[in-house]
Structure formats: C-alpha cells, structure tokens
Amino acid sequence: MKKPKKKATINPDESIRYTVCGEWFPESFPARRSLRWGRGGEDPLATEMRLFCSCQRWAFNRLQEGCSREELKREGQELFGINSRFCDDAVLKAKAVIESQRELLAQEIEQTEMKLARARKKLGWVEKDLDKAVEANDPVKIEKAKRAVHGRKARVKKLKTKLDDLKTHRDNGTIPTVIFGGRSLWKRVCKGKATREEWRQVRQNRLFARGDETKGGNPNIKISYRNGNFSLSVTISHLSEQKGTDKKGRPIMTRAPRVTGKLWLPEKHRLKVWESLLSGAPYNVELIKGRDGRYRVHITFTVTAPEPVTSPNRGYLGMDTNPDGVALASVNYFGQPEPWPEGFEVPYPKALHKFAGEFQVTVQPNGFLYIKIPELAYSRGYRRTYLIGVLAKVVVDTAKAFEKPIALEDLDFGKDRLDTDRKFNRMAASFPFKKIIEAVMRRASREGVGVKPVRPAHT
C-alpha cells in the first residue's frame, strides 16, 4: 500500500488580504436629482446602487453570450449611466460569479456521483430485504420493504436526473441558473411569504469599487482620516454630465458629486486602516445596505505578512475540533506529549461574561487541555461567528506563546457526506468545523503562526 504524502507546514504568504468591516452613516447628499436615471423619491445613492447592480446582472448575461470585457465596459456606461470604473467593476464582479459557479459545478458533479453510488448500494440492500420478506411470506415485512424500495428508487431517480443536468452544463460549457438576491428568498416570494419589495431591495443593495494605487487608494469610494475620525465618500457617477469632447472624440464629463458621511470602524482595526491610508496602498470597498436601512462597509487591502514566529523544531500544538469546542495537545519534536509549564493558564476572553460556564477550560498536566464553549453547538448567525473568532484567538495566542505551529485535522464534511442518515446529517449540518478551521488559519496567517493539515487520527 502506497504511503500518503506528508503535508508540509503552511507558513504565511508574502502578502495577505485583510478585510475590515465597519458601518457608514451618510450625512450630506447632492441636492440635484437625475430625471433620466432616478426613480420616484429615491436618493442619489440608492439610484447609484441600483444602476450598479443592474449593470452587474446585465454583464453576467452578456459574458455568457461571449461578449468581451471592453465591449461591456463601453456599452454599460451608455445603458446605465455610471462611470467607466464602476462599470468595469460590475463586469469583473459578474465574471467572478461565473468563474466561481464553474468551480462549484465540478465539485457538485463529484459529490452527486458519490451520493448516487451510495444510493444505488442502499437500493440493492432494501431489494434483498424485500426478497427475504417474500420468501418468509411475512406481510408486515413485505409492506415495509416495498415502501423502502419505493423511497430508494425515488432518490436514485432524483440524483440521476440532477447528475445528468450537471453534466449537460459541463459538456456545453454553461453553468446552472444563478438567482441574484438568493434562491431561498426567491422561493419565499413565490410562496407569498415575502414581498416583491423585499426582493427588489436585496437585488439593488450594494456598490463595489476596486482600489487603485495611482489614484489615492480608491477613486470611487474614498476613505479619509481627519481629526481622529474616519469618513467615507461615494462618487455619484450618474449625476456627471457631458460638457464636450476631447481631440480623440471621447466625452469630457463634469466632476461627479459625492455622498459623504462618518465611518465607524472597530477600535482594533483603526490603526491598521490608518497606516494603510498613509502609505497610499490601494483598497477595495464594498458598500452593502441591509434590510434595516444601515450601511455596512467591507474594506479589503493587502498587507505584508509578518515573519514566522513558530518553528517545527519546537514541536506542534495539535488541535482536535468538536461541535462545542476544541482539544489542544502540546507535543515535542519527537511527537511525545509535553507537559504545560508551571503557572500556565489559558487567557479568559473579557467579552464572555453572559453566564457562568460560558467559556470552560480543562487543563491536564500531561500537555492536553479542552476548551469548551457550549453555545457553539446551538447558537446561530453572528453569535456563532463571534464565538468562533474568540476561540481562534485563544488557540493562536497559545501556539504563539509556545512558538509552535498548529497541526489541524484534515476532515471532510462536504455535502457528499450528507445522505439519508438523519443522525449524522443533524450533527454534520450544525458542526461549524469548516468555520473554526478557516478562522484559525486566518488568525494564524496574520500572527505569523505556521499551520499543518494532518490526518484526524494524528491530532
């Protein structure tokens, strides 16, 4: 039997993408409105976001027809009234959606093939059970086996149809239908459980602008810092008007007005953003308007990864992931458990003080400990994401203190594992394994801590 290849330690790359989430409070709006592009009483910012999202959906369809980026950039400005940079950003966003769908198509085909093979095997089992029941002439077992056979055949037929559709898309070079705004919300609209107004708001609630180092970081959505406060201004490009043409026949446009307002950022990220603004580094900004009317801002810029602070010569910190926490094991260079030093304590997160036992640590003297956060097993949404971030910080800080890389288990909880086993499905669907692993790896890359994926039995 061929031995599996050893996976090398993943050290931080030369540069990493750093995303900061904040909230924007628009204050000053242009007094002028566009009779051509405006609708009803919507403000210019809402108009700009609607035009950008419409341009992205239009570019998505044209790209699948074979149109080039330059053609779409030129035509989009005339159709939607936004400037060339916003139009190009919309085209690139649409292109990214297509590329991601093609990657997901290959994964979906592979997972569906595995599910179909497993479903056919289970169908063979229940058919054998039916034959045995017929031989025993047991009416109760015969009726039960017939229902099982009917259900297994229906599942095989459903998976076969799905696999054929996916392979047809692959052979034709197309992708499955993409619903901008979300498939689940669209189904709720079709059933009358959500209004069309909600659907429209979700489809026109964002604006994206790429960074440019030669134009002050980001020309369309600019962040500035003055008197200890951050502010953000958004270009309202559809209010720009043509005032002439240059020697090459290109239109000369008036300067577009801006919507400005205060920008709130978490205290722990303010210094990093300020340093990025001082250096003139480019940054991408995505502005999203929530259903509650608040504007969230995602700022992404590239930072230089810190020097590695861990070494495999000191050993590893093994991490075993569970639905309600993680287990850590400190081992030396030879893989033997290494006792914790005297006085060692896992730092208790200051923000976790809702109830007693919210953050539990069980330390064993032989180099093992277990960090338990009971809410991880049943909390939802932002609360679970926050708890995972807290857990990742504790793990990475522990590895950094001992200058040891982290050994992560290489588990697979893909959709191909979900089948007709209700108990396993319930556990796997609510198990935030992937989120925990990703959070630890992100934190480790920012802190200069090495990471090594290993077989689950070795963590």
Protein backbone atom coordinates (compact mmCIF):
# COMPACT_ATOMS: atom_id res chain seq x y z
CA MET A 1 0.00 0.00 0.00
CA LYS A 2 1.37 3.39 -1.02
CA LYS A 3 2.06 5.72 1.88
CA PRO A 4 0.28 9.10 1.74
CA LYS A 5 2.47 12.09 1.11
CA LYS A 6 3.32 14.21 4.12
CA LYS A 7 1.74 17.64 4.10
CA ALA A 8 4.17 20.48 4.67
CA THR A 9 3.62 23.24 7.19
CA ILE A 10 1.68 26.16 5.68
CA ASN A 11 3.59 29.30 6.55
CA PRO A 12 2.10 32.77 5.93
CA ASP A 13 2.47 34.05 2.36
CA GLU A 14 4.40 37.18 1.48
CA SER A 15 1.16 39.16 1.45
CA ILE A 16 -2.33 38.54 2.77
CA ARG A 17 -5.69 40.16 2.14
CA TYR A 18 -7.05 41.91 5.21
CA THR A 19 -10.76 42.75 5.43
CA VAL A 20 -12.24 45.19 7.94
CA CYS A 21 -15.99 45.53 8.49
CA GLY A 22 -17.46 48.85 9.57
CA GLU A 23 -20.60 50.95 9.37
CA TRP A 24 -21.18 54.13 7.40
CA PHE A 25 -23.52 56.99 8.30
CA PRO A 26 -24.22 59.12 5.19
CA GLU A 27 -24.84 62.77 6.02
CA SER A 28 -24.57 65.08 3.02
CA PHE A 29 -26.35 64.21 -0.23
CA PRO A 30 -26.29 66.12 -3.55
CA ALA A 31 -29.29 68.38 -3.92
CA ARG A 32 -29.62 67.58 -7.60
CA ARG A 33 -31.56 64.53 -8.85
CA SER A 34 -31.40 62.84 -12.26
CA LEU A 35 -34.61 62.93 -14.26
CA ARG A 36 -33.30 60.18 -16.53
CA TRP A 37 -31.89 57.70 -14.04
CA GLY A 38 -33.81 58.45 -10.84
CA ARG A 39 -36.99 56.67 -9.79
CA GLY A 40 -39.62 58.25 -7.60
CA GLY A 41 -38.27 59.73 -4.39
CA GLU A 42 -35.12 57.61 -4.07
CA ASP A 43 -31.93 59.43 -3.10
CA PRO A 44 -28.92 59.58 -5.48
CA LEU A 45 -27.02 56.93 -3.52
CA ALA A 46 -29.88 54.42 -3.88
CA THR A 47 -30.01 55.22 -7.59
CA GLU A 48 -26.27 54.61 -7.97
CA MET A 49 -26.51 51.26 -6.17
CA ARG A 50 -29.49 50.19 -8.27
CA LEU A 51 -27.70 51.08 -11.52
CA PHE A 52 -24.54 49.24 -10.42
CA CYS A 53 -26.43 46.04 -9.52
CA SER A 54 -28.41 46.20 -12.77
CA CYS A 55 -25.16 46.58 -14.69
CA GLN A 56 -23.71 43.55 -12.91
CA ARG A 57 -26.70 41.33 -13.80
CA TRP A 58 -26.65 42.61 -17.41
CA ALA A 59 -22.91 41.92 -17.70
CA PHE A 60 -23.44 38.43 -16.23
CA ASN A 61 -25.80 37.55 -19.10
CA ARG A 62 -23.66 39.19 -21.79
CA LEU A 63 -20.49 37.43 -20.63
CA GLN A 64 -22.20 34.07 -21.06
CA GLU A 65 -23.01 35.11 -24.63
CA GLY A 66 -19.30 35.64 -25.33
CA CYS A 67 -19.03 39.45 -25.13
CA SER A 68 -15.63 40.89 -24.17
CA ARG A 69 -14.87 42.98 -21.12
CA GLU A 70 -14.02 46.06 -23.19
CA GLU A 71 -17.29 45.87 -25.14
CA LEU A 72 -19.32 45.58 -21.96
CA LYS A 73 -17.41 48.41 -20.32
CA ARG A 74 -18.18 50.71 -23.25
CA GLU A 75 -21.84 49.71 -23.67
CA GLY A 76 -22.55 49.65 -19.93
CA GLN A 77 -21.73 53.32 -19.50
CA GLU A 78 -24.36 54.27 -22.08
CA LEU A 79 -27.02 51.85 -20.80
CA PHE A 80 -26.71 52.55 -17.06
CA GLY A 81 -25.12 56.00 -16.82
CA ILE A 82 -22.35 55.03 -14.37
CA ASN A 83 -18.71 55.92 -14.94
CA SER A 84 -16.25 53.60 -16.67
CA ARG A 85 -14.64 52.41 -13.44
CA PHE A 86 -17.91 51.46 -11.74
CA CYS A 87 -18.97 49.73 -14.96
CA ASP A 88 -15.71 47.78 -15.16
CA ASP A 89 -16.07 46.76 -11.51
CA ALA A 90 -19.59 45.45 -12.22
CA VAL A 91 -18.26 43.41 -15.15
CA LEU A 92 -15.48 41.94 -13.00
CA LYS A 93 -17.95 41.03 -10.24
CA ALA A 94 -20.15 39.27 -12.80
CA LYS A 95 -17.11 37.45 -14.20
CA ALA A 96 -16.15 36.30 -10.70
CA VAL A 97 -19.65 34.85 -10.20
CA ILE A 98 -19.34 32.83 -13.43
CA GLU A 99 -15.87 31.53 -12.53
CA SER A 100 -16.97 30.50 -9.04
CA GLN A 101 -20.04 28.72 -10.44
CA ARG A 102 -17.82 26.74 -12.81
CA GLU A 103 -15.62 25.66 -9.93
CA LEU A 104 -18.68 24.68 -7.89
CA LEU A 105 -20.07 22.76 -10.87
CA ALA A 106 -17.11 20.36 -10.87
CA GLN A 107 -17.46 19.86 -7.10
CA GLU A 108 -21.21 19.33 -7.38
CA ILE A 109 -20.77 16.67 -10.08
CA GLU A 110 -18.24 14.79 -7.95
CA GLN A 111 -20.42 14.95 -4.84
CA THR A 112 -23.56 13.90 -6.73
CA GLU A 113 -21.76 10.89 -8.25
CA MET A 114 -20.75 9.75 -4.77
CA LYS A 115 -24.30 10.20 -3.48
CA LEU A 116 -25.73 8.29 -6.45
CA ALA A 117 -23.35 5.36 -5.95
CA ARG A 118 -24.26 5.21 -2.26
CA ALA A 119 -27.99 5.45 -3.05
CA ARG A 120 -27.76 2.56 -5.55
CA LYS A 121 -25.94 0.44 -2.98
CA LYS A 122 -28.69 1.11 -0.42
CA LEU A 123 -31.32 0.29 -3.05
CA GLY A 124 -29.67 -3.11 -3.54
CA TRP A 125 -29.82 -3.72 0.21
CA VAL A 126 -33.52 -2.99 0.53
CA GLU A 127 -34.30 -5.09 -2.58
CA LYS A 128 -32.57 -8.03 -0.89
CA ASP A 129 -34.64 -7.36 2.24
CA LEU A 130 -37.78 -7.44 0.08
CA ASP A 131 -36.81 -10.78 -1.46
CA LYS A 132 -36.21 -12.26 2.01
CA ALA A 133 -39.58 -10.97 3.21
CA VAL A 134 -41.32 -12.53 0.20
CA GLU A 135 -39.62 -15.86 0.84
CA ALA A 136 -40.69 -15.73 4.50
CA ASN A 137 -44.21 -14.71 3.43
CA ASP A 138 -44.36 -12.02 6.12
CA PRO A 139 -46.98 -9.38 5.06
CA VAL A 140 -45.75 -6.77 7.54
CA LYS A 141 -42.13 -7.01 6.42
CA ILE A 142 -43.17 -7.12 2.75
CA GLU A 143 -45.17 -3.89 3.09
CA LYS A 144 -42.31 -2.19 4.95
CA ALA A 145 -39.73 -3.35 2.40
CA LYS A 146 -41.88 -2.17 -0.52
CA ARG A 147 -42.09 1.33 0.96
CA ALA A 148 -38.31 1.34 1.46
CA VAL A 149 -37.71 0.19 -2.14
CA HIS A 150 -40.07 2.88 -3.45
CA GLY A 151 -38.23 5.58 -1.48
CA ARG A 152 -34.78 4.37 -2.56
CA LYS A 153 -35.81 4.25 -6.21
CA ALA A 154 -37.19 7.79 -6.00
CA ARG A 155 -33.91 9.03 -4.54
CA VAL A 156 -31.84 7.25 -7.21
CA LYS A 157 -34.04 8.77 -9.93
CA LYS A 158 -33.75 12.24 -8.43
CA LEU A 159 -29.96 12.05 -8.14
CA LYS A 160 -29.64 10.61 -11.66
CA THR A 161 -31.68 13.49 -13.10
CA LYS A 162 -29.61 16.03 -11.18
CA LEU A 163 -26.33 14.44 -12.31
CA ASP A 164 -27.45 14.42 -15.95
CA ASP A 165 -28.33 18.13 -15.76
CA LEU A 166 -24.98 18.99 -14.19
CA LYS A 167 -23.05 17.00 -16.80
CA THR A 168 -25.03 18.69 -19.56
CA HIS A 169 -23.91 22.08 -18.23
CA ARG A 170 -20.32 20.86 -18.08
CA ASP A 171 -20.36 19.48 -21.64
CA ASN A 172 -22.00 22.62 -23.06
CA GLY A 173 -19.72 24.99 -21.16
CA THR A 174 -22.66 26.57 -19.32
CA ILE A 175 -23.49 26.97 -15.63
CA PRO A 176 -26.66 26.28 -13.62
CA THR A 177 -29.15 29.09 -13.17
CA VAL A 178 -27.93 31.85 -10.87
CA ILE A 179 -30.51 33.85 -8.90
CA PHE A 180 -29.23 37.27 -7.84
CA GLY A 181 -30.77 38.05 -4.48
CA GLY A 182 -30.79 34.49 -3.20
CA ARG A 183 -32.68 31.34 -4.13
CA SER A 184 -34.25 30.94 -0.67
CA LEU A 185 -35.70 34.47 -0.71
CA TRP A 186 -36.99 33.96 -4.24
CA LYS A 187 -38.81 30.80 -3.16
CA ARG A 188 -40.36 32.72 -0.27
CA VAL A 189 -41.54 35.38 -2.73
CA CYS A 190 -43.08 32.72 -4.97
CA LYS A 191 -44.94 31.26 -1.97
CA GLY A 192 -46.17 34.68 -0.88
CA LYS A 193 -44.11 34.63 2.33
CA ALA A 194 -42.00 37.65 1.27
CA THR A 195 -42.91 40.77 -0.68
CA ARG A 196 -41.53 41.77 -4.05
CA GLU A 197 -40.29 44.98 -2.47
CA GLU A 198 -38.01 42.95 -0.20
CA TRP A 199 -36.80 41.06 -3.27
CA ARG A 200 -36.02 44.29 -5.14
CA GLN A 201 -34.18 45.78 -2.18
CA VAL A 202 -31.91 42.73 -1.88
CA ARG A 203 -31.10 42.85 -5.61
CA GLN A 204 -30.03 46.50 -5.58
CA ASN A 205 -28.37 46.93 -2.21
CA ARG A 206 -24.64 47.07 -2.92
CA LEU A 207 -21.86 49.03 -4.54
CA PHE A 208 -18.30 47.84 -5.16
CA ALA A 209 -15.16 49.76 -6.11
CA ARG A 210 -11.66 48.43 -6.74
CA GLY A 211 -8.61 50.14 -5.38
CA ASP A 212 -6.02 51.98 -7.47
CA GLU A 213 -2.61 52.96 -6.10
CA THR A 214 -2.19 55.75 -8.69
CA LYS A 215 -5.45 57.43 -7.66
CA GLY A 216 -5.18 57.77 -3.92
CA GLY A 217 -6.21 54.27 -2.93
CA ASN A 218 -9.75 54.20 -4.32
CA PRO A 219 -11.15 56.88 -6.65
CA ASN A 220 -14.85 55.99 -6.45
CA ILE A 221 -15.29 55.15 -2.74
CA LYS A 222 -12.70 57.12 -0.82
CA ILE A 223 -11.81 56.80 2.86
CA SER A 224 -10.19 59.70 4.67
CA TYR A 225 -8.95 60.39 8.20
CA ARG A 226 -9.17 63.79 9.87
CA ASN A 227 -9.14 64.95 13.48
CA GLY A 228 -9.20 61.40 14.83
CA ASN A 229 -12.25 60.30 12.80
CA PHE A 230 -12.71 58.32 9.61
CA SER A 231 -15.05 59.41 6.86
CA LEU A 232 -16.18 57.84 3.61
CA SER A 233 -17.36 59.47 0.39
CA VAL A 234 -19.09 57.73 -2.52
CA THR A 235 -18.99 59.05 -6.08
CA ILE A 236 -22.48 59.51 -7.60
CA SER A 237 -21.34 59.00 -11.17
CA HIS A 238 -24.77 59.05 -12.85
CA LEU A 239 -25.08 62.78 -11.96
CA SER A 240 -22.00 63.60 -14.02
CA GLU A 241 -22.85 65.31 -17.33
CA GLN A 242 -21.01 65.61 -20.62
CA LYS A 243 -19.64 69.07 -21.35
CA GLY A 244 -17.73 68.36 -24.54
CA THR A 245 -15.32 66.00 -26.28
CA ASP A 246 -11.54 65.76 -26.46
CA LYS A 247 -9.34 65.54 -29.56
CA LYS A 248 -9.94 61.80 -29.84
CA GLY A 249 -13.71 62.17 -29.67
CA ARG A 250 -14.03 60.93 -26.11
CA PRO A 251 -16.62 62.64 -23.90
CA ILE A 252 -15.45 65.13 -21.29
CA MET A 253 -17.59 64.82 -18.15
CA THR A 254 -18.19 67.21 -15.28
CA ARG A 255 -16.94 66.22 -11.83
CA ALA A 256 -19.42 63.88 -10.19
CA PRO A 257 -20.82 64.90 -6.77
CA ARG A 258 -20.26 62.72 -3.70
CA VAL A 259 -22.23 61.46 -0.74
CA THR A 260 -20.13 61.82 2.41
CA GLY A 261 -20.53 60.68 6.00
CA LYS A 262 -18.81 59.33 9.09
CA LEU A 263 -17.28 55.87 9.01
CA TRP A 264 -17.19 53.74 12.15
CA LEU A 265 -14.51 51.06 12.41
CA PRO A 266 -13.74 48.65 15.28
CA GLU A 267 -11.08 50.01 17.59
CA LYS A 268 -8.74 47.06 16.99
CA HIS A 269 -8.62 47.78 13.23
CA ARG A 270 -8.36 51.57 13.23
CA LEU A 271 -4.56 51.71 13.41
CA LYS A 272 -4.18 49.18 10.58
CA VAL A 273 -6.54 51.16 8.31
CA TRP A 274 -4.85 54.45 9.20
CA GLU A 275 -1.42 53.03 8.30
CA SER A 276 -2.80 51.76 5.01
CA LEU A 277 -4.20 55.20 4.15
CA LEU A 278 -0.89 56.88 4.98
CA SER A 279 1.03 54.52 2.72
CA GLY A 280 -1.31 55.21 -0.21
CA ALA A 281 -1.94 51.48 -0.69
CA PRO A 282 -4.96 50.52 -2.82
CA TYR A 283 -8.03 49.15 -1.06
CA ASN A 284 -11.28 47.63 -2.26
CA VAL A 285 -14.56 48.79 -0.73
CA GLU A 286 -17.94 47.09 -0.87
CA LEU A 287 -20.92 49.04 0.44
CA ILE A 288 -23.98 46.97 1.43
CA LYS A 289 -27.33 48.33 2.55
CA GLY A 290 -29.10 45.97 4.95
CA ARG A 291 -32.82 45.39 5.29
CA ASP A 292 -32.70 47.57 8.40
CA GLY A 293 -31.50 50.52 6.31
CA ARG A 294 -27.97 50.53 7.77
CA TYR A 295 -24.90 50.69 5.53
CA ARG A 296 -22.16 48.10 6.19
CA VAL A 297 -18.74 48.62 4.67
CA HIS A 298 -16.21 45.90 3.82
CA ILE A 299 -12.72 47.34 3.30
CA THR A 300 -10.10 44.97 1.87
CA PHE A 301 -6.43 45.78 1.47
CA THR A 302 -3.22 43.82 1.12
CA VAL A 303 -0.76 43.76 3.98
CA THR A 304 2.68 42.21 4.29
CA ALA A 305 2.58 39.00 6.29
CA PRO A 306 4.65 39.05 9.48
CA GLU A 307 7.76 36.95 9.88
CA PRO A 308 7.08 33.38 11.10
CA VAL A 309 7.25 33.22 14.88
CA THR A 310 6.92 29.43 15.14
CA SER A 311 9.27 26.58 14.34
CA PRO A 312 8.56 22.83 13.87
CA ASN A 313 11.79 22.17 15.79
CA ARG A 314 9.93 23.08 18.97
CA GLY A 315 7.15 20.59 18.23
CA TYR A 316 3.48 21.16 17.40
CA LEU A 317 0.24 22.20 19.02
CA GLY A 318 -2.32 19.64 17.88
CA MET A 319 -5.94 20.80 17.60
CA ASP A 320 -8.94 18.46 17.54
CA THR A 321 -12.22 20.15 16.57
CA ASN A 322 -15.54 19.25 18.17
CA PRO A 323 -19.06 20.72 17.87
CA ASP A 324 -18.74 22.51 21.25
CA GLY A 325 -15.03 23.44 21.34
CA VAL A 326 -11.51 22.23 20.64
CA ALA A 327 -8.96 19.99 22.32
CA LEU A 328 -5.29 21.02 22.29
CA ALA A 329 -2.24 18.80 22.70
CA SER A 330 1.30 20.10 23.08
CA VAL A 331 3.91 17.72 21.67
CA ASN A 332 7.67 17.99 21.30
CA TYR A 333 9.79 17.49 18.19
CA PHE A 334 9.53 13.70 18.52
CA GLY A 335 5.73 13.75 18.82
CA GLN A 336 5.63 12.94 22.52
CA PRO A 337 3.28 14.86 24.88
CA GLU A 338 4.98 17.81 26.52
CA PRO A 339 3.66 18.94 29.94
CA TRP A 340 2.47 22.51 30.30
CA PRO A 341 4.92 24.79 32.14
CA GLU A 342 4.19 25.78 35.71
CA GLY A 343 1.78 28.67 36.04
CA PHE A 344 0.35 28.18 32.54
CA GLU A 345 -3.22 29.48 32.14
CA VAL A 346 -5.43 29.93 29.11
CA PRO A 347 -6.49 33.60 28.98
CA TYR A 348 -10.20 34.08 29.65
CA PRO A 349 -11.81 36.29 26.95
CA LYS A 350 -13.02 39.50 28.56
CA ALA A 351 -16.18 39.72 26.45
CA LEU A 352 -17.54 36.31 27.50
CA HIS A 353 -19.36 37.02 30.75
CA LYS A 354 -23.02 36.32 29.96
CA PHE A 355 -23.29 33.35 32.31
CA ALA A 356 -21.15 31.01 34.37
CA GLY A 357 -19.56 28.29 32.26
CA GLU A 358 -19.73 30.26 29.02
CA PHE A 359 -16.01 29.58 28.47
CA GLN A 360 -14.71 26.41 30.12
CA VAL A 361 -11.09 25.22 30.16
CA THR A 362 -9.99 21.82 31.43
CA VAL A 363 -6.18 21.57 31.66
CA GLN A 364 -4.43 18.22 32.03
CA PRO A 365 -0.86 18.25 33.38
CA ASN A 366 0.45 15.97 30.62
CA GLY A 367 0.11 18.56 27.84
CA PHE A 368 -3.58 18.23 27.00
CA LEU A 369 -6.44 20.69 27.50
CA TYR A 370 -10.00 21.13 26.35
CA ILE A 371 -11.66 24.49 25.61
CA LYS A 372 -15.44 24.21 25.72
CA ILE A 373 -17.91 26.88 24.58
CA PRO A 374 -21.36 25.25 24.97
CA GLU A 375 -23.11 27.87 22.81
CA LEU A 376 -21.16 26.75 19.74
CA ALA A 377 -23.39 23.68 19.45
CA TYR A 378 -26.66 25.62 19.13
CA SER A 379 -26.06 29.36 18.65
CA ARG A 380 -26.87 30.99 15.32
CA GLY A 381 -25.64 33.63 12.93
CA TYR A 382 -23.42 36.41 14.18
CA ARG A 383 -23.20 34.97 17.70
CA ARG A 384 -21.64 31.73 16.48
CA THR A 385 -19.25 33.62 14.19
CA TYR A 386 -18.16 35.78 17.11
CA LEU A 387 -17.60 32.78 19.38
CA ILE A 388 -15.54 31.07 16.69
CA GLY A 389 -13.40 34.19 16.38
CA VAL A 390 -12.84 34.23 20.15
CA LEU A 391 -11.89 30.55 20.07
CA ALA A 392 -9.46 31.08 17.17
CA LYS A 393 -7.75 33.92 19.03
CA VAL A 394 -7.22 31.76 22.12
CA VAL A 395 -5.79 28.88 20.06
CA VAL A 396 -3.42 31.06 18.00
CA ASP A 397 -2.25 33.02 21.05
CA THR A 398 -1.46 29.73 22.82
CA ALA A 399 0.55 28.49 19.83
CA LYS A 400 2.34 31.82 19.59
CA ALA A 401 3.26 31.75 23.28
CA PHE A 402 4.92 28.33 22.87
CA GLU A 403 6.33 29.21 19.40
CA LYS A 404 4.84 26.01 17.97
CA PRO A 405 2.97 25.58 14.65
CA ILE A 406 -0.61 24.31 14.77
CA ALA A 407 -1.50 20.83 13.48
CA LEU A 408 -5.08 20.85 12.15
CA GLU A 409 -7.16 17.78 11.33
CA ASP A 410 -7.94 17.37 7.64
CA LEU A 411 -11.60 16.38 7.89
CA ASP A 412 -14.15 16.33 5.09
CA PHE A 413 -17.68 17.46 5.87
CA GLY A 414 -18.71 18.17 2.27
CA LYS A 415 -22.27 17.84 1.02
CA ASP A 416 -21.46 14.41 -0.40
CA ARG A 417 -21.39 13.10 3.19
CA LEU A 418 -24.99 14.17 3.81
CA ASP A 419 -27.35 11.35 2.91
CA THR A 420 -30.30 9.55 4.50
CA ASP A 421 -28.67 9.12 7.92
CA ARG A 422 -30.67 11.67 9.90
CA LYS A 423 -28.48 11.50 13.00
CA PHE A 424 -25.28 12.16 11.07
CA ASN A 425 -26.92 14.87 8.94
CA ARG A 426 -28.13 16.70 12.04
CA MET A 427 -24.65 16.59 13.58
CA ALA A 428 -22.74 17.46 10.39
CA ALA A 429 -25.04 20.31 9.33
CA SER A 430 -24.69 22.12 12.66
CA PHE A 431 -20.99 21.30 13.16
CA PRO A 432 -19.06 24.54 12.46
CA PHE A 433 -15.88 22.59 11.63
CA LYS A 434 -15.05 24.48 8.45
CA LYS A 435 -15.64 27.88 10.05
CA ILE A 436 -13.41 27.02 13.01
CA ILE A 437 -10.59 25.78 10.76
CA GLU A 438 -10.83 28.84 8.49
CA ALA A 439 -10.89 31.22 11.46
CA VAL A 440 -7.79 29.61 12.98
CA MET A 441 -5.94 29.67 9.66
CA ARG A 442 -6.81 33.33 9.04
CA ARG A 443 -5.72 34.34 12.51
CA ALA A 444 -2.55 32.26 12.25
CA SER A 445 -1.56 33.85 8.92
CA ARG A 446 -1.92 37.33 10.42
CA GLU A 447 0.09 36.42 13.52
CA GLY A 448 2.91 34.56 11.70
CA VAL A 449 1.95 31.15 13.11
CA GLY A 450 2.50 28.12 10.87
CA VAL A 451 -0.30 25.63 10.15
CA LYS A 452 -0.03 21.98 9.07
CA PRO A 453 -3.03 19.82 7.99
CA VAL A 454 -2.69 16.21 9.16
CA ARG A 455 -4.82 13.07 9.30
CA PRO A 456 -7.52 13.35 12.01
CA ALA A 457 -6.01 10.42 13.93
CA HIS A 458 -2.79 12.39 14.43
CA THR A 459 -4.25 15.48 16.13
